[in-house]
N, C-alpha and C. Protein backbone atom coordinates (compact mmCIF):
# COMPACT_ATOMS: atom_id res chain seq x y z
N UNK A 1 161.71 -66.19 184.33
CA UNK A 1 160.45 -65.62 183.83
C UNK A 1 160.60 -65.34 182.34
N UNK A 2 159.82 -65.96 181.50
CA UNK A 2 159.99 -65.81 180.05
C UNK A 2 159.63 -64.43 179.56
N UNK A 3 160.37 -63.96 178.55
CA UNK A 3 160.06 -62.67 177.96
C UNK A 3 158.80 -62.82 177.11
N UNK A 4 158.08 -61.75 176.96
CA UNK A 4 156.83 -61.79 176.24
C UNK A 4 155.67 -62.05 177.16
N UNK A 5 155.96 -62.27 178.48
CA UNK A 5 154.90 -62.49 179.45
C UNK A 5 154.18 -61.18 179.71
N UNK A 6 152.86 -61.22 179.70
CA UNK A 6 152.07 -60.00 179.92
C UNK A 6 151.60 -59.96 181.37
N UNK A 7 151.66 -58.78 181.94
CA UNK A 7 151.20 -58.60 183.31
C UNK A 7 150.04 -57.61 183.31
N UNK A 8 148.92 -58.04 183.84
CA UNK A 8 147.78 -57.16 183.96
C UNK A 8 147.62 -56.80 185.43
N UNK A 9 147.41 -55.54 185.70
CA UNK A 9 147.23 -55.10 187.08
C UNK A 9 145.76 -54.78 187.30
N UNK A 10 145.37 -54.51 188.57
CA UNK A 10 143.96 -54.21 188.86
C UNK A 10 143.38 -53.14 187.94
N UNK A 11 142.06 -53.15 187.83
CA UNK A 11 141.38 -52.26 186.89
C UNK A 11 141.76 -50.81 187.05
N UNK A 12 141.99 -50.39 188.31
CA UNK A 12 142.27 -48.98 188.52
C UNK A 12 143.63 -48.57 187.98
N UNK A 13 144.52 -49.56 187.65
CA UNK A 13 145.85 -49.23 187.15
C UNK A 13 145.85 -48.94 185.65
N UNK A 14 145.03 -49.67 184.90
CA UNK A 14 144.97 -49.48 183.45
C UNK A 14 146.34 -49.61 182.81
N UNK A 15 147.10 -50.62 183.22
CA UNK A 15 148.44 -50.80 182.68
C UNK A 15 148.66 -52.23 182.24
N UNK A 16 149.50 -52.40 181.25
CA UNK A 16 149.90 -53.71 180.76
C UNK A 16 151.38 -53.66 180.46
N UNK A 17 152.13 -54.61 181.00
CA UNK A 17 153.56 -54.66 180.73
C UNK A 17 153.87 -55.96 180.01
N UNK A 18 154.68 -55.89 178.98
CA UNK A 18 155.17 -57.08 178.30
C UNK A 18 156.68 -57.07 178.42
N UNK A 19 157.25 -58.08 179.08
CA UNK A 19 158.69 -58.14 179.27
C UNK A 19 159.37 -58.46 177.94
N UNK A 20 160.37 -57.67 177.60
CA UNK A 20 161.15 -57.87 176.38
C UNK A 20 162.61 -57.80 176.76
N UNK A 21 163.53 -58.25 175.89
CA UNK A 21 164.97 -58.16 176.22
C UNK A 21 165.41 -56.75 176.58
N UNK A 22 164.74 -55.75 176.06
CA UNK A 22 165.12 -54.36 176.31
C UNK A 22 164.99 -54.01 177.78
N UNK A 23 164.02 -54.62 178.48
CA UNK A 23 163.81 -54.31 179.89
C UNK A 23 164.26 -55.46 180.78
N UNK A 24 165.09 -56.34 180.24
CA UNK A 24 165.52 -57.53 180.97
C UNK A 24 166.13 -57.19 182.32
N UNK A 25 167.13 -56.29 182.33
CA UNK A 25 167.85 -56.05 183.56
C UNK A 25 167.07 -55.22 184.55
N UNK A 26 166.03 -54.57 184.12
CA UNK A 26 165.30 -53.67 185.00
C UNK A 26 163.84 -54.06 185.10
N UNK A 27 163.54 -55.31 184.84
CA UNK A 27 162.13 -55.69 184.78
C UNK A 27 161.42 -55.48 186.12
N UNK A 28 162.14 -55.74 187.23
CA UNK A 28 161.52 -55.54 188.53
C UNK A 28 161.22 -54.07 188.75
N UNK A 29 162.20 -53.21 188.39
CA UNK A 29 162.00 -51.78 188.56
C UNK A 29 160.86 -51.26 187.71
N UNK A 30 160.73 -51.78 186.48
CA UNK A 30 159.66 -51.33 185.59
C UNK A 30 158.30 -51.68 186.18
N UNK A 31 158.17 -52.92 186.65
CA UNK A 31 156.90 -53.35 187.23
C UNK A 31 156.58 -52.52 188.46
N UNK A 32 157.60 -52.29 189.32
CA UNK A 32 157.39 -51.50 190.52
C UNK A 32 156.95 -50.09 190.17
N UNK A 33 157.57 -49.51 189.15
CA UNK A 33 157.23 -48.15 188.76
C UNK A 33 155.79 -48.03 188.30
N UNK A 34 155.32 -49.03 187.56
CA UNK A 34 153.94 -48.98 187.08
C UNK A 34 152.96 -49.16 188.22
N UNK A 35 153.29 -50.08 189.14
CA UNK A 35 152.41 -50.28 190.28
C UNK A 35 152.25 -48.99 191.07
N UNK A 36 153.35 -48.24 191.24
CA UNK A 36 153.29 -47.02 192.04
C UNK A 36 152.44 -45.95 191.38
N UNK A 37 152.16 -46.10 190.10
CA UNK A 37 151.35 -45.11 189.42
C UNK A 37 149.88 -45.53 189.33
N UNK A 38 149.55 -46.64 189.94
CA UNK A 38 148.16 -47.07 189.92
C UNK A 38 147.29 -46.10 190.72
N UNK A 39 146.05 -45.98 190.32
CA UNK A 39 145.12 -45.20 191.10
C UNK A 39 144.72 -46.01 192.32
N UNK A 40 144.43 -45.31 193.41
CA UNK A 40 144.02 -46.02 194.61
C UNK A 40 142.51 -46.21 194.61
N UNK A 41 141.97 -46.65 195.74
CA UNK A 41 140.54 -46.94 195.83
C UNK A 41 139.70 -45.68 195.63
N UNK A 42 140.30 -44.52 195.87
CA UNK A 42 139.54 -43.28 195.67
C UNK A 42 139.43 -42.95 194.19
N UNK A 43 140.21 -43.65 193.35
CA UNK A 43 140.19 -43.39 191.92
C UNK A 43 141.09 -42.25 191.51
N UNK A 44 141.98 -41.82 192.42
CA UNK A 44 142.87 -40.71 192.10
C UNK A 44 144.16 -40.86 192.88
N UNK A 45 145.21 -40.24 192.38
CA UNK A 45 146.49 -40.23 193.07
C UNK A 45 146.60 -38.96 193.90
N UNK A 46 146.90 -39.11 195.19
CA UNK A 46 147.01 -37.97 196.09
C UNK A 46 148.47 -37.75 196.48
N UNK A 47 148.82 -36.50 196.65
CA UNK A 47 150.18 -36.14 197.06
C UNK A 47 150.08 -35.46 198.43
N UNK A 48 150.63 -36.12 199.43
CA UNK A 48 150.56 -35.61 200.80
C UNK A 48 151.92 -35.10 201.26
N UNK A 49 151.94 -33.93 201.87
CA UNK A 49 153.18 -33.38 202.40
C UNK A 49 153.23 -33.55 203.91
N UNK A 50 154.44 -33.65 204.44
CA UNK A 50 154.62 -33.71 205.89
C UNK A 50 155.73 -32.77 206.30
N UNK A 51 155.44 -31.90 207.27
CA UNK A 51 156.41 -30.94 207.78
C UNK A 51 156.56 -31.13 209.28
N UNK A 52 157.78 -31.03 209.77
CA UNK A 52 158.02 -31.16 211.20
C UNK A 52 159.21 -30.31 211.62
N UNK A 53 159.09 -29.69 212.79
CA UNK A 53 160.23 -29.00 213.39
C UNK A 53 160.45 -29.58 214.78
N UNK A 54 161.66 -29.42 215.29
CA UNK A 54 162.05 -30.09 216.53
C UNK A 54 161.68 -29.33 217.79
N UNK A 55 161.52 -28.03 217.70
CA UNK A 55 161.21 -27.25 218.89
C UNK A 55 160.14 -26.22 218.58
N UNK A 56 159.56 -25.68 219.64
CA UNK A 56 158.51 -24.67 219.46
C UNK A 56 159.09 -23.36 218.95
N UNK A 57 160.43 -23.19 219.07
CA UNK A 57 161.06 -21.98 218.57
C UNK A 57 161.09 -21.92 217.05
N UNK A 58 161.13 -23.10 216.43
CA UNK A 58 161.29 -23.16 214.98
C UNK A 58 159.97 -22.98 214.25
N UNK A 59 160.07 -22.52 213.01
CA UNK A 59 158.90 -22.20 212.21
C UNK A 59 158.72 -23.23 211.09
N UNK A 60 157.48 -23.66 210.91
CA UNK A 60 157.16 -24.64 209.87
C UNK A 60 156.99 -24.02 208.49
N UNK A 61 156.88 -22.69 208.43
CA UNK A 61 156.46 -22.04 207.19
C UNK A 61 157.34 -22.35 205.99
N UNK A 62 158.65 -22.39 206.19
CA UNK A 62 159.56 -22.64 205.06
C UNK A 62 159.29 -24.01 204.45
N UNK A 63 159.10 -25.02 205.30
CA UNK A 63 158.80 -26.36 204.80
C UNK A 63 157.45 -26.38 204.09
N UNK A 64 156.46 -25.73 204.69
CA UNK A 64 155.11 -25.72 204.12
C UNK A 64 155.11 -25.08 202.74
N UNK A 65 155.87 -24.00 202.58
CA UNK A 65 155.94 -23.33 201.28
C UNK A 65 156.54 -24.25 200.22
N UNK A 66 157.59 -25.00 200.60
CA UNK A 66 158.19 -25.94 199.65
C UNK A 66 157.21 -27.04 199.25
N UNK A 67 156.46 -27.53 200.24
CA UNK A 67 155.48 -28.59 199.97
C UNK A 67 154.34 -28.08 199.10
N UNK A 68 153.92 -26.84 199.34
CA UNK A 68 152.86 -26.24 198.52
C UNK A 68 153.34 -26.06 197.09
N UNK A 69 154.59 -25.62 196.93
CA UNK A 69 155.15 -25.44 195.59
C UNK A 69 155.27 -26.77 194.85
N UNK A 70 155.36 -27.84 195.60
CA UNK A 70 155.46 -29.18 195.01
C UNK A 70 154.09 -29.70 194.59
N UNK A 71 153.03 -28.96 194.96
CA UNK A 71 151.68 -29.33 194.55
C UNK A 71 151.00 -30.34 195.46
N UNK A 72 151.37 -30.35 196.74
CA UNK A 72 150.75 -31.29 197.67
C UNK A 72 149.26 -30.97 197.84
N UNK A 73 148.44 -32.00 197.84
CA UNK A 73 147.00 -31.83 198.02
C UNK A 73 146.64 -31.54 199.46
N UNK A 74 147.42 -32.07 200.39
CA UNK A 74 147.16 -31.87 201.82
C UNK A 74 148.49 -31.95 202.55
N UNK A 75 148.66 -31.10 203.57
CA UNK A 75 149.92 -31.07 204.31
C UNK A 75 149.65 -31.33 205.79
N UNK A 76 150.37 -32.30 206.35
CA UNK A 76 150.30 -32.60 207.77
C UNK A 76 151.52 -32.00 208.44
N UNK A 77 151.37 -31.57 209.70
CA UNK A 77 152.50 -30.91 210.36
C UNK A 77 152.55 -31.25 211.84
N UNK A 78 153.77 -31.39 212.38
CA UNK A 78 154.00 -31.66 213.79
C UNK A 78 155.07 -30.72 214.32
N UNK A 79 154.95 -30.34 215.60
CA UNK A 79 155.98 -29.59 216.28
C UNK A 79 156.44 -30.40 217.48
N UNK A 80 157.19 -31.47 217.18
CA UNK A 80 157.70 -32.35 218.22
C UNK A 80 159.13 -32.71 217.88
N UNK A 81 159.87 -33.20 218.87
CA UNK A 81 161.23 -33.63 218.59
C UNK A 81 161.19 -34.90 217.75
N UNK A 82 162.18 -35.03 216.88
CA UNK A 82 162.23 -36.19 215.99
C UNK A 82 162.40 -37.50 216.73
N UNK A 83 162.92 -37.45 217.98
CA UNK A 83 163.11 -38.67 218.74
C UNK A 83 161.90 -39.03 219.56
N UNK A 84 160.88 -38.19 219.55
CA UNK A 84 159.66 -38.48 220.30
C UNK A 84 158.78 -39.45 219.53
N UNK A 85 158.16 -40.37 220.25
CA UNK A 85 157.27 -41.33 219.60
C UNK A 85 155.89 -40.73 219.38
N UNK A 86 155.65 -39.60 219.98
CA UNK A 86 154.33 -38.99 219.89
C UNK A 86 154.30 -37.99 218.73
N UNK A 87 153.95 -38.48 217.54
CA UNK A 87 153.84 -37.64 216.35
C UNK A 87 152.44 -37.84 215.78
N UNK A 88 151.44 -37.24 216.41
CA UNK A 88 150.05 -37.53 216.05
C UNK A 88 149.69 -37.28 214.59
N UNK A 89 150.17 -36.18 214.02
CA UNK A 89 149.81 -35.87 212.63
C UNK A 89 150.49 -36.83 211.66
N UNK A 90 151.71 -37.22 211.97
CA UNK A 90 152.40 -38.17 211.09
C UNK A 90 151.70 -39.53 211.11
N UNK A 91 151.24 -39.94 212.28
CA UNK A 91 150.54 -41.21 212.38
C UNK A 91 149.22 -41.15 211.62
N UNK A 92 148.53 -40.02 211.66
CA UNK A 92 147.30 -39.85 210.88
C UNK A 92 147.60 -39.96 209.39
N UNK A 93 148.72 -39.36 208.98
CA UNK A 93 149.11 -39.39 207.57
C UNK A 93 149.39 -40.82 207.11
N UNK A 94 150.12 -41.58 207.92
CA UNK A 94 150.42 -42.97 207.56
C UNK A 94 149.15 -43.78 207.38
N UNK A 95 148.17 -43.53 208.24
CA UNK A 95 146.90 -44.25 208.14
C UNK A 95 146.13 -43.88 206.88
N UNK A 96 146.34 -42.66 206.40
CA UNK A 96 145.57 -42.15 205.27
C UNK A 96 146.16 -42.55 203.92
N UNK A 97 147.45 -42.78 203.86
CA UNK A 97 148.11 -43.10 202.60
C UNK A 97 147.59 -44.41 202.00
N UNK A 98 147.36 -44.38 200.69
CA UNK A 98 146.90 -45.56 199.97
C UNK A 98 147.80 -45.80 198.76
N UNK A 99 147.68 -46.97 198.17
CA UNK A 99 148.47 -47.32 196.99
C UNK A 99 148.28 -46.27 195.91
N UNK A 100 149.39 -45.81 195.33
CA UNK A 100 149.34 -44.79 194.30
C UNK A 100 149.58 -43.39 194.82
N UNK A 101 149.50 -43.20 196.15
CA UNK A 101 149.76 -41.89 196.75
C UNK A 101 151.25 -41.61 196.80
N UNK A 102 151.59 -40.33 197.03
CA UNK A 102 152.98 -39.93 197.16
C UNK A 102 153.15 -39.16 198.47
N UNK A 103 154.13 -39.56 199.28
CA UNK A 103 154.47 -38.83 200.50
C UNK A 103 155.64 -37.91 200.17
N UNK A 104 155.48 -36.61 200.46
CA UNK A 104 156.51 -35.63 200.15
C UNK A 104 157.03 -34.99 201.43
N UNK A 105 158.35 -34.99 201.61
CA UNK A 105 158.98 -34.30 202.73
C UNK A 105 160.17 -33.50 202.19
N UNK A 106 160.58 -32.48 202.92
CA UNK A 106 161.67 -31.64 202.44
C UNK A 106 163.04 -32.29 202.65
N UNK A 107 163.19 -33.03 203.75
CA UNK A 107 164.45 -33.69 204.05
C UNK A 107 164.20 -35.06 204.67
N UNK A 108 165.23 -35.89 204.66
CA UNK A 108 165.12 -37.25 205.18
C UNK A 108 164.64 -37.31 206.63
N UNK A 109 165.25 -36.48 207.48
CA UNK A 109 164.98 -36.63 208.91
C UNK A 109 163.70 -35.96 209.37
N UNK A 110 162.87 -35.49 208.44
CA UNK A 110 161.61 -34.88 208.84
C UNK A 110 160.60 -35.91 209.34
N UNK A 111 160.72 -37.16 208.87
CA UNK A 111 159.71 -38.15 209.26
C UNK A 111 160.27 -39.34 210.01
N UNK A 112 161.58 -39.42 210.21
CA UNK A 112 162.17 -40.60 210.84
C UNK A 112 162.98 -40.21 212.07
N UNK A 113 162.91 -41.05 213.10
CA UNK A 113 163.66 -40.81 214.33
C UNK A 113 165.10 -41.28 214.21
N UNK A 114 165.34 -42.28 213.37
CA UNK A 114 166.67 -42.86 213.24
C UNK A 114 166.76 -43.56 211.89
N UNK A 115 167.96 -44.06 211.58
CA UNK A 115 168.14 -44.79 210.33
C UNK A 115 167.22 -46.00 210.28
N UNK A 116 167.18 -46.77 211.35
CA UNK A 116 166.35 -47.97 211.39
C UNK A 116 164.88 -47.63 211.24
N UNK A 117 164.45 -46.59 211.92
CA UNK A 117 163.06 -46.16 211.83
C UNK A 117 162.71 -45.72 210.41
N UNK A 118 163.60 -44.94 209.80
CA UNK A 118 163.36 -44.45 208.43
C UNK A 118 163.27 -45.58 207.43
N UNK A 119 164.18 -46.55 207.54
CA UNK A 119 164.17 -47.68 206.63
C UNK A 119 162.87 -48.47 206.79
N UNK A 120 162.44 -48.64 208.04
CA UNK A 120 161.20 -49.37 208.29
C UNK A 120 160.00 -48.69 207.68
N UNK A 121 159.92 -47.36 207.80
CA UNK A 121 158.80 -46.61 207.24
C UNK A 121 158.79 -46.70 205.73
N UNK A 122 159.96 -46.50 205.10
CA UNK A 122 160.05 -46.57 203.65
C UNK A 122 159.67 -47.95 203.15
N UNK A 123 160.16 -48.99 203.82
CA UNK A 123 159.85 -50.36 203.40
C UNK A 123 158.34 -50.62 203.47
N UNK A 124 157.73 -50.16 204.55
CA UNK A 124 156.28 -50.34 204.70
C UNK A 124 155.51 -49.62 203.59
N UNK A 125 155.95 -48.40 203.28
CA UNK A 125 155.26 -47.63 202.24
C UNK A 125 155.47 -48.27 200.87
N UNK A 126 156.66 -48.78 200.61
CA UNK A 126 156.90 -49.49 199.35
C UNK A 126 155.93 -50.65 199.19
N UNK A 127 155.78 -51.43 200.27
CA UNK A 127 154.90 -52.60 200.22
C UNK A 127 153.45 -52.20 200.00
N UNK A 128 153.10 -50.99 200.42
CA UNK A 128 151.73 -50.50 200.23
C UNK A 128 151.54 -49.79 198.90
N UNK A 129 152.60 -49.69 198.09
CA UNK A 129 152.50 -49.04 196.80
C UNK A 129 152.54 -47.53 196.87
N UNK A 130 153.14 -47.00 197.95
CA UNK A 130 153.24 -45.54 198.14
C UNK A 130 154.65 -45.08 197.80
N UNK A 131 154.78 -44.04 196.96
CA UNK A 131 156.09 -43.47 196.63
C UNK A 131 156.48 -42.44 197.68
N UNK A 132 157.77 -42.25 197.85
CA UNK A 132 158.29 -41.24 198.78
C UNK A 132 159.16 -40.26 198.01
N UNK A 133 158.81 -38.98 198.07
CA UNK A 133 159.58 -37.95 197.37
C UNK A 133 160.23 -37.05 198.41
N UNK A 134 161.56 -37.12 198.50
CA UNK A 134 162.32 -36.27 199.41
C UNK A 134 162.93 -35.15 198.58
N UNK A 135 162.50 -33.93 198.84
CA UNK A 135 162.77 -32.83 197.92
C UNK A 135 164.25 -32.54 197.71
N UNK A 136 165.08 -32.75 198.72
CA UNK A 136 166.49 -32.42 198.53
C UNK A 136 167.30 -33.58 197.95
N UNK A 137 166.60 -34.67 197.54
CA UNK A 137 167.31 -35.77 196.91
C UNK A 137 166.54 -36.42 195.78
N UNK A 138 165.24 -36.25 195.73
CA UNK A 138 164.45 -36.81 194.64
C UNK A 138 163.54 -37.94 195.09
N UNK A 139 163.02 -38.65 194.12
CA UNK A 139 162.08 -39.74 194.37
C UNK A 139 162.84 -40.99 194.77
N UNK A 140 162.52 -41.53 195.94
CA UNK A 140 163.15 -42.76 196.42
C UNK A 140 162.32 -43.93 195.91
N UNK A 141 162.92 -44.71 195.01
CA UNK A 141 162.19 -45.79 194.38
C UNK A 141 162.50 -47.13 195.03
N UNK A 142 161.58 -48.06 194.87
CA UNK A 142 161.74 -49.39 195.44
C UNK A 142 162.56 -50.28 194.50
N UNK A 143 163.84 -49.92 194.35
CA UNK A 143 164.77 -50.70 193.53
C UNK A 143 166.03 -50.91 194.36
N UNK A 144 166.89 -51.87 194.02
CA UNK A 144 168.12 -52.08 194.79
C UNK A 144 168.96 -50.81 194.91
N UNK A 145 169.11 -50.08 193.81
CA UNK A 145 169.89 -48.85 193.84
C UNK A 145 169.23 -47.80 194.72
N UNK A 146 167.92 -47.68 194.60
CA UNK A 146 167.18 -46.71 195.40
C UNK A 146 167.30 -47.00 196.88
N UNK A 147 167.22 -48.28 197.25
CA UNK A 147 167.32 -48.65 198.66
C UNK A 147 168.73 -48.41 199.19
N UNK A 148 169.76 -48.65 198.36
CA UNK A 148 171.13 -48.41 198.79
C UNK A 148 171.36 -46.93 199.05
N UNK A 149 170.93 -46.09 198.14
CA UNK A 149 171.08 -44.64 198.30
C UNK A 149 170.34 -44.16 199.54
N UNK A 150 169.15 -44.68 199.73
CA UNK A 150 168.36 -44.28 200.89
C UNK A 150 169.07 -44.62 202.20
N UNK A 151 169.61 -45.83 202.29
CA UNK A 151 170.30 -46.24 203.52
C UNK A 151 171.49 -45.35 203.82
N UNK A 152 172.25 -45.02 202.79
CA UNK A 152 173.43 -44.17 202.98
C UNK A 152 173.03 -42.77 203.44
N UNK A 153 172.03 -42.19 202.78
CA UNK A 153 171.62 -40.83 203.12
C UNK A 153 170.95 -40.76 204.48
N UNK A 154 170.23 -41.80 204.88
CA UNK A 154 169.63 -41.82 206.21
C UNK A 154 170.72 -41.83 207.28
N UNK A 155 171.82 -42.52 207.02
CA UNK A 155 172.94 -42.55 207.96
C UNK A 155 173.54 -41.17 208.13
N UNK A 156 173.72 -40.46 207.01
CA UNK A 156 174.23 -39.09 207.08
C UNK A 156 173.26 -38.17 207.82
N UNK A 157 171.98 -38.36 207.58
CA UNK A 157 170.97 -37.53 208.25
C UNK A 157 171.00 -37.74 209.76
N UNK A 158 171.18 -38.99 210.18
CA UNK A 158 171.25 -39.29 211.61
C UNK A 158 172.47 -38.64 212.24
N UNK A 159 173.60 -38.67 211.51
CA UNK A 159 174.82 -38.05 212.00
C UNK A 159 174.63 -36.54 212.16
N UNK A 160 174.02 -35.91 211.14
CA UNK A 160 173.79 -34.47 211.19
C UNK A 160 172.86 -34.10 212.34
N UNK A 161 171.85 -34.92 212.58
CA UNK A 161 170.91 -34.62 213.65
C UNK A 161 171.58 -34.76 215.01
N UNK A 162 172.51 -35.73 215.13
CA UNK A 162 173.25 -35.91 216.38
C UNK A 162 174.10 -34.68 216.66
N UNK A 163 174.74 -34.15 215.62
CA UNK A 163 175.55 -32.94 215.78
C UNK A 163 174.67 -31.76 216.16
N UNK A 164 173.50 -31.67 215.53
CA UNK A 164 172.58 -30.58 215.85
C UNK A 164 172.10 -30.71 217.29
N UNK A 165 171.87 -31.95 217.74
CA UNK A 165 171.42 -32.18 219.11
C UNK A 165 172.43 -31.68 220.13
N UNK A 166 173.70 -31.87 219.82
CA UNK A 166 174.75 -31.39 220.73
C UNK A 166 174.74 -29.86 220.81
N UNK A 167 174.52 -29.24 219.67
CA UNK A 167 174.45 -27.77 219.66
C UNK A 167 173.23 -27.29 220.45
N UNK A 168 172.12 -28.04 220.33
CA UNK A 168 170.91 -27.67 221.06
C UNK A 168 171.13 -27.76 222.56
N UNK A 169 171.87 -28.77 223.00
CA UNK A 169 172.14 -28.92 224.43
C UNK A 169 172.98 -27.75 224.94
N UNK A 170 173.97 -27.35 224.15
CA UNK A 170 174.78 -26.19 224.55
C UNK A 170 173.92 -24.94 224.63
N UNK A 171 173.00 -24.81 223.68
CA UNK A 171 172.09 -23.67 223.69
C UNK A 171 171.19 -23.72 224.92
N UNK A 172 170.72 -24.91 225.28
CA UNK A 172 169.85 -25.08 226.44
C UNK A 172 170.58 -24.73 227.74
N UNK A 173 171.85 -25.14 227.83
CA UNK A 173 172.65 -24.83 229.02
C UNK A 173 172.79 -23.32 229.17
N UNK A 174 172.98 -22.64 228.06
CA UNK A 174 173.09 -21.18 228.10
C UNK A 174 171.77 -20.54 228.53
N UNK A 175 170.67 -21.07 228.01
CA UNK A 175 169.35 -20.53 228.38
C UNK A 175 169.05 -20.72 229.86
N UNK A 176 169.57 -21.82 230.43
CA UNK A 176 169.28 -22.13 231.84
C UNK A 176 169.81 -21.06 232.77
N UNK A 177 170.75 -20.25 232.30
CA UNK A 177 171.29 -19.18 233.13
C UNK A 177 170.24 -18.13 233.44
N UNK A 178 169.23 -18.00 232.58
CA UNK A 178 168.19 -16.97 232.77
C UNK A 178 166.77 -17.53 232.74
N UNK A 179 166.61 -18.86 232.56
CA UNK A 179 165.28 -19.46 232.48
C UNK A 179 165.18 -20.67 233.39
N UNK A 180 163.95 -21.07 233.71
CA UNK A 180 163.73 -22.27 234.51
C UNK A 180 163.85 -23.50 233.62
N UNK A 181 163.94 -24.68 234.26
CA UNK A 181 164.02 -25.92 233.48
C UNK A 181 162.80 -26.08 232.58
N UNK A 182 161.63 -25.76 233.11
CA UNK A 182 160.40 -25.91 232.31
C UNK A 182 160.42 -24.98 231.10
N UNK A 183 160.88 -23.75 231.30
CA UNK A 183 160.95 -22.80 230.18
C UNK A 183 161.94 -23.27 229.12
N UNK A 184 163.07 -23.79 229.57
CA UNK A 184 164.09 -24.27 228.62
C UNK A 184 163.54 -25.46 227.83
N UNK A 185 162.82 -26.35 228.50
CA UNK A 185 162.25 -27.50 227.82
C UNK A 185 161.22 -27.07 226.78
N UNK A 186 160.40 -26.07 227.12
CA UNK A 186 159.39 -25.57 226.17
C UNK A 186 160.05 -24.93 224.96
N UNK A 187 161.17 -24.27 225.17
CA UNK A 187 161.85 -23.55 224.08
C UNK A 187 162.70 -24.45 223.19
N UNK A 188 163.28 -25.48 223.78
CA UNK A 188 164.24 -26.29 223.03
C UNK A 188 163.81 -27.73 222.78
N UNK A 189 162.86 -28.22 223.58
CA UNK A 189 162.46 -29.62 223.46
C UNK A 189 163.36 -30.56 224.23
N UNK A 190 164.35 -30.03 224.95
CA UNK A 190 165.28 -30.84 225.74
C UNK A 190 164.71 -31.01 227.14
N UNK A 191 164.55 -32.25 227.58
CA UNK A 191 163.91 -32.53 228.86
C UNK A 191 164.77 -32.07 230.04
N UNK A 192 164.11 -31.90 231.17
CA UNK A 192 164.80 -31.47 232.39
C UNK A 192 165.90 -32.46 232.77
N UNK A 193 165.60 -33.76 232.72
CA UNK A 193 166.59 -34.78 233.11
C UNK A 193 167.82 -34.74 232.20
N UNK A 194 167.60 -34.54 230.90
CA UNK A 194 168.72 -34.46 229.95
C UNK A 194 169.58 -33.23 230.23
N UNK A 195 168.92 -32.12 230.52
CA UNK A 195 169.65 -30.89 230.78
C UNK A 195 170.43 -30.98 232.09
N UNK A 196 169.81 -31.58 233.11
CA UNK A 196 170.52 -31.74 234.39
C UNK A 196 171.75 -32.61 234.19
N UNK A 197 171.60 -33.70 233.44
CA UNK A 197 172.74 -34.59 233.20
C UNK A 197 173.86 -33.86 232.44
N UNK A 198 173.49 -33.05 231.45
CA UNK A 198 174.48 -32.32 230.66
C UNK A 198 175.20 -31.28 231.53
N UNK A 199 174.45 -30.61 232.39
CA UNK A 199 175.08 -29.61 233.26
C UNK A 199 175.99 -30.26 234.29
N UNK A 200 175.57 -31.45 234.77
CA UNK A 200 176.40 -32.17 235.74
C UNK A 200 177.70 -32.64 235.10
N UNK A 201 177.60 -33.12 233.85
CA UNK A 201 178.82 -33.57 233.13
C UNK A 201 179.81 -32.45 232.93
N UNK A 202 179.29 -31.22 232.88
CA UNK A 202 180.16 -30.05 232.67
C UNK A 202 180.54 -29.38 233.97
N UNK A 203 180.15 -30.00 235.10
CA UNK A 203 180.52 -29.46 236.41
C UNK A 203 179.79 -28.19 236.78
N UNK A 204 178.62 -27.99 236.19
CA UNK A 204 177.86 -26.78 236.48
C UNK A 204 176.95 -26.92 237.68
N UNK A 205 176.71 -28.15 238.12
CA UNK A 205 175.90 -28.41 239.31
C UNK A 205 176.52 -29.54 240.12
């Protein structure tokens, strides 16, 4: 691609890039960055927050406060386990996002069930011109370096969630001493079948 080539983007972007030797090595990143700043069909850039907790015991308020401090225009929230496919508010948010918008979450595992799921969501949003801002790590950009960092951190997030899940199961087993299976499931999000299997593995039944 010859230097000095001018790129004009749609009218709502109001941007012009001319490739020069100075931006040679990062020309793809520069173009991507400008595209992400384009206005969408609404004529404005929107910042949407998403908050999720894994059980009914947990409180969303801490996440919501962080998202509000970040200046989110609208915040979607779910109280479901991260491994559940039923995340109605998150699905509404995905449908609402347009090119130029920014999705803001407090941590990696707030919106993804697994590493593969997270990578798929980020890739889809990149293709739609949507930026993703993860507050405890920064803006995840659609560049080779950004994708590498994202993959590594998603792997760590999955590991941490697996460890947390084990702790939750131990907590659920303890609760079962004084609560019914249904009550334990409502409090922890751990299904009856999972709890029965865990108790059987430990010789409790």
